[in-house]
Amino acid sequence: MKTKNILMGTAALILSSTSAFAASMNVEAVNSNFVFADAAGQNAWYKATSFDVGMTSVNNVGAGVFRVKGTDDNGIVSNFLAFCLQPLETLTLPKSHMIANPFTQTVSDNLNALAANAWSLVTDAKSAAAFQMAAWEITTETEATFDVDDGYFAITGNGNGSNQAEGVAQAWLDNVADGTWLQGQNPFRILTANGTQDLLTNVVEQPVLPPPNTTPVPLPASGLLLLAGLMGAGYAARRRKA
């Protein structure tokens, strides 16, 4: 098993909430009856599994990616993907979420490394379940190693689909732990709210654009001096000509 690296440095765009972007988003399911599916109720990317968190056992749950949509406080609507970051919390939608980071720097850095490298690898139900398992391990495990089968957080599901996803999740976690996968500058965001799951998303926020500037743009001091010099030279030339 690999010991978790404490990845240092900047590059944690996942967790940045101090910007000119919208600060909140109302999140709802794309399909009101089945949040894992698309608008037509198809393409459910998840695998059934079970897990333990400490002394708490949770059986027959879906590990996968949610297809949701959100309206930010600028009125901009986005369809996006989301993964749960709290395995013991129930997803309750619709719900207003803040764009904020509730996690420690170490957890944040490891989530960023996972998202930067594995998000593009989520292409089906198995890889979606693997990403979800890896994210749960990063946010929930209290021991010094990443092991999806052991520790404070442990996958206990023994179905074929769950086992396949576990193998992929462990390989990805090893890449995070040994530094093979580094943090990136991807525009991922964490949405957090009380009474529902915190979500890791690929939503790209739209900046709040300032209104068009109709006032004259002041010249810097150097520009004013240059302009004054040119005007003085012109005045002197006119006097000589006179």
C-alpha atoms as a PDB file:
ATOM      1  CA  MET A   1       0.000   0.000   0.000  1.00  0.00           C
ATOM      2  CA  LYS A   2       1.152   3.537  -0.690  1.00  0.00           C
ATOM      3  CA  THR A   3       1.508   6.300   1.893  1.00  0.00           C
ATOM      4  CA  LYS A   4      -0.367   9.461   1.029  1.00  0.00           C
ATOM      5  CA  ASN A   5       1.786  12.317  -0.194  1.00  0.00           C
ATOM      6  CA  ILE A   6       1.085  15.764   1.216  1.00  0.00           C
ATOM      7  CA  LEU A   7       1.176  17.617  -2.080  1.00  0.00           C
ATOM      8  CA  MET A   8       2.433  21.150  -1.607  1.00  0.00           C
ATOM      9  CA  GLY A   9       2.195  24.226  -3.793  1.00  0.00           C
ATOM     10  CA  THR A  10      -0.488  26.264  -5.456  1.00  0.00           C
ATOM     11  CA  ALA A  11      -2.702  24.869  -8.239  1.00  0.00           C
ATOM     12  CA  ALA A  12      -5.807  24.056  -6.193  1.00  0.00           C
ATOM     13  CA  LEU A  13      -8.427  25.596  -8.433  1.00  0.00           C
ATOM     14  CA  ILE A  14     -10.881  22.953  -7.236  1.00  0.00           C
ATOM     15  CA  LEU A  15     -11.138  24.676  -3.918  1.00  0.00           C
ATOM     16  CA  SER A  16     -10.959  28.321  -4.833  1.00  0.00           C
ATOM     17  CA  SER A  17     -14.048  30.276  -3.897  1.00  0.00           C
ATOM     18  CA  THR A  18     -12.614  33.788  -3.668  1.00  0.00           C
ATOM     19  CA  SER A  19     -13.158  35.253  -7.120  1.00  0.00           C
ATOM     20  CA  ALA A  20     -15.481  37.429  -9.148  1.00  0.00           C
ATOM     21  CA  PHE A  21     -17.617  34.375  -9.882  1.00  0.00           C
ATOM     22  CA  ALA A  22     -21.048  33.605  -8.538  1.00  0.00           C
ATOM     23  CA  ALA A  23     -20.931  32.418  -4.927  1.00  0.00           C
ATOM     24  CA  SER A  24     -23.874  30.017  -4.856  1.00  0.00           C
ATOM     25  CA  MET A  25     -25.813  27.633  -7.065  1.00  0.00           C
ATOM     26  CA  ASN A  26     -29.233  26.009  -6.799  1.00  0.00           C
ATOM     27  CA  VAL A  27     -28.720  22.362  -7.788  1.00  0.00           C
ATOM     28  CA  GLU A  28     -31.421  20.014  -9.081  1.00  0.00           C
ATOM     29  CA  ALA A  29     -31.507  16.666 -10.863  1.00  0.00           C
ATOM     30  CA  VAL A  30     -31.556  16.622 -14.649  1.00  0.00           C
ATOM     31  CA  ASN A  31     -34.045  13.786 -14.344  1.00  0.00           C
ATOM     32  CA  SER A  32     -36.357  14.230 -11.362  1.00  0.00           C
ATOM     33  CA  ASN A  33     -36.724  10.475 -10.829  1.00  0.00           C
ATOM     34  CA  PHE A  34     -33.154   9.276 -11.247  1.00  0.00           C
ATOM     35  CA  VAL A  35     -30.206  11.576 -10.660  1.00  0.00           C
ATOM     36  CA  PHE A  36     -27.654   9.167 -12.129  1.00  0.00           C
ATOM     37  CA  ALA A  37     -29.389   9.269 -15.524  1.00  0.00           C
ATOM     38  CA  ASP A  38     -29.571  11.854 -18.269  1.00  0.00           C
ATOM     39  CA  ALA A  39     -32.680  13.861 -19.184  1.00  0.00           C
ATOM     40  CA  ALA A  40     -34.128  10.835 -21.008  1.00  0.00           C
ATOM     41  CA  GLY A  41     -33.590   8.545 -18.015  1.00  0.00           C
ATOM     42  CA  GLN A  42     -30.805   6.653 -19.789  1.00  0.00           C
ATOM     43  CA  ASN A  43     -27.038   6.129 -19.463  1.00  0.00           C
ATOM     44  CA  ALA A  44     -26.872   5.531 -15.726  1.00  0.00           C
ATOM     45  CA  TRP A  45     -23.172   5.497 -14.861  1.00  0.00           C
ATOM     46  CA  TYR A  46     -22.971   3.738 -11.490  1.00  0.00           C
ATOM     47  CA  LYS A  47     -22.281   0.380  -9.846  1.00  0.00           C
ATOM     48  CA  ALA A  48     -24.071  -1.027  -6.812  1.00  0.00           C
ATOM     49  CA  THR A  49     -21.786  -1.478  -3.808  1.00  0.00           C
ATOM     50  CA  SER A  50     -21.599  -1.400  -0.005  1.00  0.00           C
ATOM     51  CA  PHE A  51     -19.130   0.226   2.370  1.00  0.00           C
ATOM     52  CA  ASP A  52     -18.182   0.782   6.003  1.00  0.00           C
ATOM     53  CA  VAL A  53     -17.385   4.136   7.551  1.00  0.00           C
ATOM     54  CA  GLY A  54     -16.033   3.363  10.993  1.00  0.00           C
ATOM     55  CA  MET A  55     -18.688   1.289  12.729  1.00  0.00           C
ATOM     56  CA  THR A  56     -21.410   2.314  10.258  1.00  0.00           C
ATOM     57  CA  SER A  57     -22.296  -0.041   7.420  1.00  0.00           C
ATOM     58  CA  VAL A  58     -24.149   1.114   4.303  1.00  0.00           C
ATOM     59  CA  ASN A  59     -25.460  -1.554   1.940  1.00  0.00           C
ATOM     60  CA  ASN A  60     -26.579  -1.610  -1.676  1.00  0.00           C
ATOM     61  CA  VAL A  61     -25.890   1.972  -2.696  1.00  0.00           C
ATOM     62  CA  GLY A  62     -24.975   3.426  -6.052  1.00  0.00           C
ATOM     63  CA  ALA A  63     -21.403   4.612  -6.571  1.00  0.00           C
ATOM     64  CA  GLY A  64     -21.235   6.739  -9.680  1.00  0.00           C
ATOM     65  CA  VAL A  65     -21.637  10.135 -11.239  1.00  0.00           C
ATOM     66  CA  PHE A  66     -24.681  12.379 -10.870  1.00  0.00           C
ATOM     67  CA  ARG A  67     -26.010  14.300 -13.854  1.00  0.00           C
ATOM     68  CA  VAL A  68     -27.403  17.520 -12.439  1.00  0.00           C
ATOM     69  CA  LYS A  69     -28.049  21.122 -13.371  1.00  0.00           C
ATOM     70  CA  GLY A  70     -27.626  24.310 -11.439  1.00  0.00           C
ATOM     71  CA  THR A  71     -28.644  27.934 -11.582  1.00  0.00           C
ATOM     72  CA  ASP A  72     -26.079  30.305 -10.107  1.00  0.00           C
ATOM     73  CA  ASP A  73     -26.845  33.630  -8.479  1.00  0.00           C
ATOM     74  CA  ASN A  74     -26.260  35.381 -11.814  1.00  0.00           C
ATOM     75  CA  GLY A  75     -29.139  33.384 -13.315  1.00  0.00           C
ATOM     76  CA  ILE A  76     -26.841  31.269 -15.498  1.00  0.00           C
ATOM     77  CA  VAL A  77     -27.965  27.633 -15.905  1.00  0.00           C
ATOM     78  CA  SER A  78     -25.389  24.851 -16.346  1.00  0.00           C
ATOM     79  CA  ASN A  79     -25.709  21.106 -16.857  1.00  0.00           C
ATOM     80  CA  PHE A  80     -22.800  19.324 -15.243  1.00  0.00           C
ATOM     81  CA  LEU A  81     -21.503  16.140 -13.606  1.00  0.00           C
ATOM     82  CA  ALA A  82     -20.999  15.723  -9.876  1.00  0.00           C
ATOM     83  CA  PHE A  83     -19.524  13.206  -7.443  1.00  0.00           C
ATOM     84  CA  CYS A  84     -20.484  12.828  -3.795  1.00  0.00           C
ATOM     85  CA  LEU A  85     -17.869  13.736  -1.183  1.00  0.00           C
ATOM     86  CA  GLN A  86     -19.737  12.570   1.950  1.00  0.00           C
ATOM     87  CA  PRO A  87     -20.616   8.863   1.829  1.00  0.00           C
ATOM     88  CA  LEU A  88     -22.934   8.996   4.866  1.00  0.00           C
ATOM     89  CA  GLU A  89     -24.941  11.990   3.644  1.00  0.00           C
ATOM     90  CA  THR A  90     -28.102  11.644   1.559  1.00  0.00           C
ATOM     91  CA  LEU A  91     -28.364  13.593  -1.672  1.00  0.00           C
ATOM     92  CA  THR A  92     -31.316  15.954  -1.353  1.00  0.00           C
ATOM     93  CA  LEU A  93     -32.314  17.970  -4.405  1.00  0.00           C
ATOM     94  CA  PRO A  94     -33.196  20.658  -5.272  1.00  0.00           C
ATOM     95  CA  LYS A  95     -30.887  22.422  -2.846  1.00  0.00           C
ATOM     96  CA  SER A  96     -28.983  25.687  -2.749  1.00  0.00           C
ATOM     97  CA  HIS A  97     -25.239  25.066  -2.496  1.00  0.00           C
ATOM     98  CA  MET A  98     -22.401  27.445  -1.740  1.00  0.00           C
ATOM     99  CA  ILE A  99     -19.319  27.325  -3.954  1.00  0.00           C
ATOM    100  CA  ALA A 100     -16.834  26.705  -1.157  1.00  0.00           C
ATOM    101  CA  ASN A 101     -14.297  24.233   0.185  1.00  0.00           C
ATOM    102  CA  PRO A 102     -14.911  22.526   3.550  1.00  0.00           C
ATOM    103  CA  PHE A 103     -11.833  20.261   3.412  1.00  0.00           C
ATOM    104  CA  THR A 104      -8.271  20.444   4.723  1.00  0.00           C
ATOM    105  CA  GLN A 105      -5.418  21.410   2.433  1.00  0.00           C
ATOM    106  CA  THR A 106      -4.144  17.832   2.210  1.00  0.00           C
ATOM    107  CA  VAL A 107      -7.568  16.466   1.252  1.00  0.00           C
ATOM    108  CA  SER A 108      -8.014  19.345  -1.169  1.00  0.00           C
ATOM    109  CA  ASP A 109      -4.683  18.707  -2.866  1.00  0.00           C
ATOM    110  CA  ASN A 110      -5.402  14.997  -3.237  1.00  0.00           C
ATOM    111  CA  LEU A 111      -8.877  15.671  -4.647  1.00  0.00           C
ATOM    112  CA  ASN A 112      -7.333  18.103  -7.091  1.00  0.00           C
ATOM    113  CA  ALA A 113      -4.790  15.523  -8.247  1.00  0.00           C
ATOM    114  CA  LEU A 114      -7.525  12.913  -8.699  1.00  0.00           C
ATOM    115  CA  ALA A 115      -9.817  15.261 -10.623  1.00  0.00           C
ATOM    116  CA  ALA A 116      -7.065  16.696 -12.801  1.00  0.00           C
ATOM    117  CA  ASN A 117      -6.004  13.252 -13.997  1.00  0.00           C
ATOM    118  CA  ALA A 118      -8.998  10.922 -13.734  1.00  0.00           C
ATOM    119  CA  TRP A 119     -11.984  13.060 -14.704  1.00  0.00           C
ATOM    120  CA  SER A 120     -11.344  12.553 -18.404  1.00  0.00           C
ATOM    121  CA  LEU A 121     -11.066   8.797 -17.781  1.00  0.00           C
ATOM    122  CA  VAL A 122     -14.679   8.567 -16.598  1.00  0.00           C
ATOM    123  CA  THR A 123     -16.324   7.120 -19.701  1.00  0.00           C
ATOM    124  CA  ASP A 124     -18.701   4.427 -18.410  1.00  0.00           C
ATOM    125  CA  ALA A 125     -20.351   2.969 -15.303  1.00  0.00           C
ATOM    126  CA  LYS A 126     -17.193   1.203 -14.067  1.00  0.00           C
ATOM    127  CA  SER A 127     -14.932   4.253 -14.296  1.00  0.00           C
ATOM    128  CA  ALA A 128     -17.617   6.489 -12.774  1.00  0.00           C
ATOM    129  CA  ALA A 129     -17.923   4.113  -9.812  1.00  0.00           C
ATOM    130  CA  ALA A 130     -14.118   4.000  -9.510  1.00  0.00           C
ATOM    131  CA  PHE A 131     -13.883   7.796  -9.358  1.00  0.00           C
ATOM    132  CA  GLN A 132     -16.612   7.917  -6.710  1.00  0.00           C
ATOM    133  CA  MET A 133     -14.882   5.280  -4.581  1.00  0.00           C
ATOM    134  CA  ALA A 134     -11.556   7.106  -4.847  1.00  0.00           C
ATOM    135  CA  ALA A 135     -13.153  10.430  -3.881  1.00  0.00           C
ATOM    136  CA  TRP A 136     -14.822   8.823  -0.848  1.00  0.00           C
ATOM    137  CA  GLU A 137     -11.488   7.336   0.209  1.00  0.00           C
ATOM    138  CA  ILE A 138      -9.726  10.705  -0.068  1.00  0.00           C
ATOM    139  CA  THR A 139     -12.330  12.661   1.890  1.00  0.00           C
ATOM    140  CA  THR A 140     -13.195  10.040   4.529  1.00  0.00           C
ATOM    141  CA  GLU A 141     -10.152   7.860   5.287  1.00  0.00           C
ATOM    142  CA  THR A 142      -8.371   8.702   8.548  1.00  0.00           C
ATOM    143  CA  GLU A 143      -5.443   6.288   8.252  1.00  0.00           C
ATOM    144  CA  ALA A 144      -2.093   7.044   6.626  1.00  0.00           C
ATOM    145  CA  THR A 145      -2.682   4.899   3.545  1.00  0.00           C
ATOM    146  CA  PHE A 146      -5.139   4.822   0.689  1.00  0.00           C
ATOM    147  CA  ASP A 147      -6.762   1.389   0.638  1.00  0.00           C
ATOM    148  CA  VAL A 148     -10.347   1.113  -0.610  1.00  0.00           C
ATOM    149  CA  ASP A 149     -10.690  -2.349   0.981  1.00  0.00           C
ATOM    150  CA  ASP A 150      -9.461  -1.480   4.480  1.00  0.00           C
ATOM    151  CA  GLY A 151      -9.296   1.301   7.038  1.00  0.00           C
ATOM    152  CA  TYR A 152     -11.840   3.720   8.461  1.00  0.00           C
ATOM    153  CA  PHE A 153     -13.495   3.863   5.039  1.00  0.00           C
ATOM    154  CA  ALA A 154     -13.684   0.527   3.223  1.00  0.00           C
ATOM    155  CA  ILE A 155     -15.653  -0.801   0.276  1.00  0.00           C
ATOM    156  CA  THR A 156     -17.333  -4.082   1.291  1.00  0.00           C
ATOM    157  CA  GLY A 157     -19.408  -4.807  -1.808  1.00  0.00           C
ATOM    158  CA  ASN A 158     -18.474  -8.093  -3.455  1.00  0.00           C
ATOM    159  CA  GLY A 159     -20.397  -7.884  -6.715  1.00  0.00           C
ATOM    160  CA  ASN A 160     -18.461  -8.193  -9.949  1.00  0.00           C
ATOM    161  CA  GLY A 161     -19.120  -4.583 -10.959  1.00  0.00           C
ATOM    162  CA  SER A 162     -18.103  -3.258  -7.558  1.00  0.00           C
ATOM    163  CA  ASN A 163     -14.916  -5.321  -7.500  1.00  0.00           C
ATOM    164  CA  GLN A 164     -13.883  -4.123 -10.956  1.00  0.00           C
ATOM    165  CA  ALA A 165     -14.433  -0.505  -9.968  1.00  0.00           C
ATOM    166  CA  GLU A 166     -12.434  -1.037  -6.743  1.00  0.00           C
ATOM    167  CA  GLY A 167      -9.436  -2.211  -8.735  1.00  0.00           C
ATOM    168  CA  VAL A 168      -9.489   0.908 -10.912  1.00  0.00           C
ATOM    169  CA  ALA A 169     -10.030   3.182  -7.894  1.00  0.00           C
ATOM    170  CA  GLN A 170      -7.045   1.683  -6.059  1.00  0.00           C
ATOM    171  CA  ALA A 171      -4.770   2.163  -9.070  1.00  0.00           C
ATOM    172  CA  TRP A 172      -5.810   5.811  -9.303  1.00  0.00           C
ATOM    173  CA  LEU A 173      -5.293   6.339  -5.563  1.00  0.00           C
ATOM    174  CA  ASP A 174      -1.809   4.833  -5.824  1.00  0.00           C
ATOM    175  CA  ASN A 175      -1.022   7.372  -8.548  1.00  0.00           C
ATOM    176  CA  VAL A 176      -2.139  10.177  -6.255  1.00  0.00           C
ATOM    177  CA  ALA A 177      -0.251   8.803  -3.253  1.00  0.00           C
ATOM    178  CA  ASP A 178       3.126   8.302  -4.955  1.00  0.00           C
ATOM    179  CA  GLY A 179       3.053  11.604  -6.825  1.00  0.00           C
ATOM    180  CA  THR A 180       2.572  10.116 -10.291  1.00  0.00           C
ATOM    181  CA  TRP A 181      -0.553  12.236 -10.578  1.00  0.00           C
ATOM    182  CA  LEU A 182       0.017  15.886  -9.741  1.00  0.00           C
ATOM    183  CA  GLN A 183      -2.429  18.702  -9.222  1.00  0.00           C
ATOM    184  CA  GLY A 184      -3.810  20.562 -12.201  1.00  0.00           C
ATOM    185  CA  GLN A 185      -5.425  23.850 -13.102  1.00  0.00           C
ATOM    186  CA  ASN A 186      -8.792  22.407 -14.134  1.00  0.00           C
ATOM    187  CA  PRO A 187     -11.913  24.493 -13.425  1.00  0.00           C
ATOM    188  CA  PHE A 188     -13.506  22.026 -11.008  1.00  0.00           C
ATOM    189  CA  ARG A 189     -15.648  23.380  -8.183  1.00  0.00           C
ATOM    190  CA  ILE A 190     -16.883  22.020  -4.864  1.00  0.00           C
ATOM    191  CA  LEU A 191     -20.499  22.745  -3.964  1.00  0.00           C
ATOM    192  CA  THR A 192     -21.370  22.471  -0.271  1.00  0.00           C
ATOM    193  CA  ALA A 193     -24.657  22.660   1.635  1.00  0.00           C
ATOM    194  CA  ASN A 194     -26.113  21.576   4.959  1.00  0.00           C
ATOM    195  CA  GLY A 195     -28.467  18.602   4.878  1.00  0.00           C
ATOM    196  CA  THR A 196     -27.206  17.153   1.606  1.00  0.00           C
ATOM    197  CA  GLN A 197     -24.038  15.833   0.030  1.00  0.00           C
ATOM    198  CA  ASP A 198     -21.117  18.094  -0.809  1.00  0.00           C
ATOM    199  CA  LEU A 199     -20.358  17.688  -4.500  1.00  0.00           C
ATOM    200  CA  LEU A 200     -17.206  17.735  -6.612  1.00  0.00           C
ATOM    201  CA  THR A 201     -18.261  19.090  -9.999  1.00  0.00           C
ATOM    202  CA  ASN A 202     -16.913  20.052 -13.400  1.00  0.00           C
ATOM    203  CA  VAL A 203     -19.136  23.113 -13.574  1.00  0.00           C
ATOM    204  CA  VAL A 204     -17.420  26.104 -15.162  1.00  0.00           C
ATOM    205  CA  GLU A 205     -18.709  29.321 -13.661  1.00  0.00           C
ATOM    206  CA  GLN A 206     -19.376  32.353 -15.786  1.00  0.00           C
ATOM    207  CA  PRO A 207     -17.596  35.517 -14.659  1.00  0.00           C
ATOM    208  CA  VAL A 208     -19.609  38.562 -13.720  1.00  0.00           C
ATOM    209  CA  LEU A 209     -18.683  41.047 -16.433  1.00  0.00           C
ATOM    210  CA  PRO A 210     -18.569  44.752 -15.543  1.00  0.00           C
ATOM    211  CA  PRO A 211     -20.785  47.137 -17.544  1.00  0.00           C
ATOM    212  CA  PRO A 212     -19.189  48.845 -20.568  1.00  0.00           C
ATOM    213  CA  ASN A 213     -16.926  51.699 -19.482  1.00  0.00           C
ATOM    214  CA  THR A 214     -18.227  54.949 -21.010  1.00  0.00           C
ATOM    215  CA  THR A 215     -15.991  57.318 -19.025  1.00  0.00           C
ATOM    216  CA  PRO A 216     -12.672  58.576 -20.416  1.00  0.00           C
ATOM    217  CA  VAL A 217      -9.756  56.335 -19.511  1.00  0.00           C
ATOM    218  CA  PRO A 218      -7.177  58.426 -17.608  1.00  0.00           C
ATOM    219  CA  LEU A 219      -3.642  58.377 -18.892  1.00  0.00           C
ATOM    220  CA  PRO A 220      -0.903  57.252 -16.529  1.00  0.00           C
ATOM    221  CA  ALA A 221       1.440  59.937 -15.220  1.00  0.00           C
ATOM    222  CA  SER A 222       4.094  59.121 -17.810  1.00  0.00           C
ATOM    223  CA  GLY A 223       1.517  59.556 -20.542  1.00  0.00           C
ATOM    224  CA  LEU A 224       0.474  62.961 -19.192  1.00  0.00           C
ATOM    225  CA  LEU A 225       4.090  64.126 -19.109  1.00  0.00           C
ATOM    226  CA  LEU A 226       4.616  62.988 -22.688  1.00  0.00           C
ATOM    227  CA  LEU A 227       1.433  64.743 -23.805  1.00  0.00           C
ATOM    228  CA  ALA A 228       2.483  67.952 -22.020  1.00  0.00           C
ATOM    229  CA  GLY A 229       5.917  67.796 -23.663  1.00  0.00           C
ATOM    230  CA  LEU A 230       4.401  67.392 -27.134  1.00  0.00           C
ATOM    231  CA  MET A 231       2.022  70.317 -26.563  1.00  0.00           C
ATOM    232  CA  GLY A 232       4.900  72.507 -25.358  1.00  0.00           C
ATOM    233  CA  ALA A 233       7.013  71.623 -28.384  1.00  0.00           C
ATOM    234  CA  GLY A 234       4.145  72.484 -30.688  1.00  0.00           C
ATOM    235  CA  TYR A 235       3.601  75.874 -29.020  1.00  0.00           C
ATOM    236  CA  ALA A 236       7.284  76.762 -29.277  1.00  0.00           C
ATOM    237  CA  ALA A 237       7.368  75.839 -32.970  1.00  0.00           C
ATOM    238  CA  ARG A 238       4.373  78.092 -33.669  1.00  0.00           C
ATOM    239  CA  ARG A 239       6.080  81.054 -31.909  1.00  0.00           C
ATOM    240  CA  ARG A 240       9.264  80.608 -33.940  1.00  0.00           C
ATOM    241  CA  LYS A 241       7.241  80.503 -37.145  1.00  0.00           C
ATOM    242  CA  ALA A 242       5.408  83.699 -36.172  1.00  0.00           C
END
